[in-house]
Amino acid sequence: MPARWDELLHAQRLDGKAKRLHRWPLDELPDGAMLAGEGTAYAVRRRALLPWTSQGYGAPVPRPRGHHVDVLTPPAILAVLAAGYRPLWHRSAR
């Protein structure tokens, strides 16, 4: 089973050698999902988006409502997060 899981995640992460993005309603994304926007990656955390940098998460920005976004997190992982898995957040996310 693990090999099939790896194959599924690989197919959901990459389009050839390019990162595969998944269009998704922002209102439906669970905590821990990562999205791409304006040259920055963001993590969804409650009612905020946390910009990601190589030093950790930046200051939260309000999570807009009613938008569709390009999601970096594979749909299979989104399903796990939506089912109740809670990510362990880096200390900079606090």
Protein backbone atom coordinates (compact mmCIF):
# COMPACT_ATOMS: atom_id res chain seq x y z
CA MET A 1 0.00 0.00 0.00
CA PRO A 2 2.72 2.63 0.78
CA ALA A 3 4.07 2.48 -2.78
CA ARG A 4 0.61 3.29 -4.15
CA TRP A 5 0.28 6.18 -1.66
CA ASP A 6 3.66 7.53 -2.79
CA GLU A 7 2.60 7.25 -6.44
CA LEU A 8 -0.65 9.09 -5.75
CA LEU A 9 1.11 11.91 -3.88
CA HIS A 10 3.80 12.15 -6.55
CA ALA A 11 1.16 12.52 -9.28
CA GLN A 12 -0.69 15.16 -7.23
CA ARG A 13 2.51 17.12 -6.47
CA LEU A 14 4.12 17.29 -9.90
CA ASP A 15 3.14 17.96 -13.49
CA GLY A 16 6.21 16.58 -15.23
CA LYS A 17 8.98 18.47 -13.42
CA ALA A 18 6.79 21.46 -12.55
CA LYS A 19 4.90 21.87 -9.28
CA ARG A 20 1.23 20.96 -9.78
CA LEU A 21 -1.24 23.49 -8.41
CA HIS A 22 -4.83 22.66 -7.52
CA ARG A 23 -7.54 25.33 -7.78
CA TRP A 24 -9.62 25.29 -4.58
CA PRO A 25 -12.09 27.52 -2.72
CA LEU A 26 -10.13 29.26 0.04
CA ASP A 27 -13.14 29.01 2.37
CA GLU A 28 -12.92 25.19 2.21
CA LEU A 29 -9.21 24.79 2.94
CA PRO A 30 -8.33 23.17 6.28
CA ASP A 31 -5.68 24.42 8.66
CA GLY A 32 -2.24 23.40 7.43
CA ALA A 33 -2.98 23.70 3.72
CA MET A 34 -0.37 25.62 1.72
CA LEU A 35 -1.28 27.91 -1.15
CA ALA A 36 0.58 29.99 -3.70
CA GLY A 37 -0.19 33.65 -4.10
CA GLU A 38 1.60 36.69 -5.42
CA GLY A 39 5.02 35.03 -5.43
CA THR A 40 4.68 33.80 -1.84
CA ALA A 41 3.54 30.57 -0.24
CA TYR A 42 0.99 30.86 2.58
CA ALA A 43 -0.22 28.42 5.22
CA VAL A 44 -3.87 28.44 6.21
CA ARG A 45 -4.35 28.80 9.95
CA ARG A 46 -7.82 29.49 11.26
CA ARG A 47 -8.97 32.85 9.88
CA ALA A 48 -5.48 33.89 8.75
CA LEU A 49 -2.88 33.18 6.10
CA LEU A 50 0.71 32.91 7.27
CA PRO A 51 3.32 33.88 4.66
CA TRP A 52 6.17 31.36 4.48
CA THR A 53 9.80 32.44 4.32
CA SER A 54 13.02 30.48 4.68
CA GLN A 55 13.19 31.86 8.26
CA GLY A 56 9.71 30.62 9.15
CA TYR A 57 6.22 32.09 9.03
CA GLY A 58 5.64 35.82 8.77
CA ALA A 59 2.95 37.96 10.34
CA PRO A 60 -0.56 36.65 9.70
CA VAL A 61 -2.80 38.37 7.19
CA PRO A 62 -6.60 38.09 7.25
CA ARG A 63 -7.95 35.14 5.29
CA PRO A 64 -10.17 36.58 2.54
CA ARG A 65 -13.51 34.95 1.86
CA GLY A 66 -15.10 33.94 -1.41
CA HIS A 67 -11.91 33.40 -3.41
CA HIS A 68 -10.44 30.46 -5.28
CA VAL A 69 -6.69 29.96 -4.85
CA ASP A 70 -3.85 27.86 -6.24
CA VAL A 71 -3.13 25.20 -3.62
CA LEU A 72 0.28 23.56 -3.24
CA THR A 73 -0.92 20.83 -0.86
CA PRO A 74 -1.94 17.65 -2.71
CA PRO A 75 -5.69 16.84 -2.54
CA ALA A 76 -4.98 13.57 -0.69
CA ILE A 77 -3.25 15.53 2.09
CA LEU A 78 -6.09 18.10 2.11
CA ALA A 79 -8.47 15.20 2.76
CA VAL A 80 -6.36 14.03 5.71
CA LEU A 81 -6.29 17.56 7.15
CA ALA A 82 -10.04 17.98 6.60
CA ALA A 83 -10.66 14.66 8.38
CA GLY A 84 -9.13 16.05 11.55
CA TYR A 85 -5.35 15.64 11.37
CA ARG A 86 -3.79 18.64 13.09
CA PRO A 87 -0.39 19.81 11.90
CA LEU A 88 2.40 20.59 14.32
CA TRP A 89 3.16 24.26 13.75
CA HIS A 90 6.62 25.83 13.74
CA ARG A 91 7.11 28.25 16.65
CA SER A 92 7.10 31.19 14.22
CA ALA A 93 3.42 30.48 13.45
CA ARG A 94 2.35 31.56 16.95
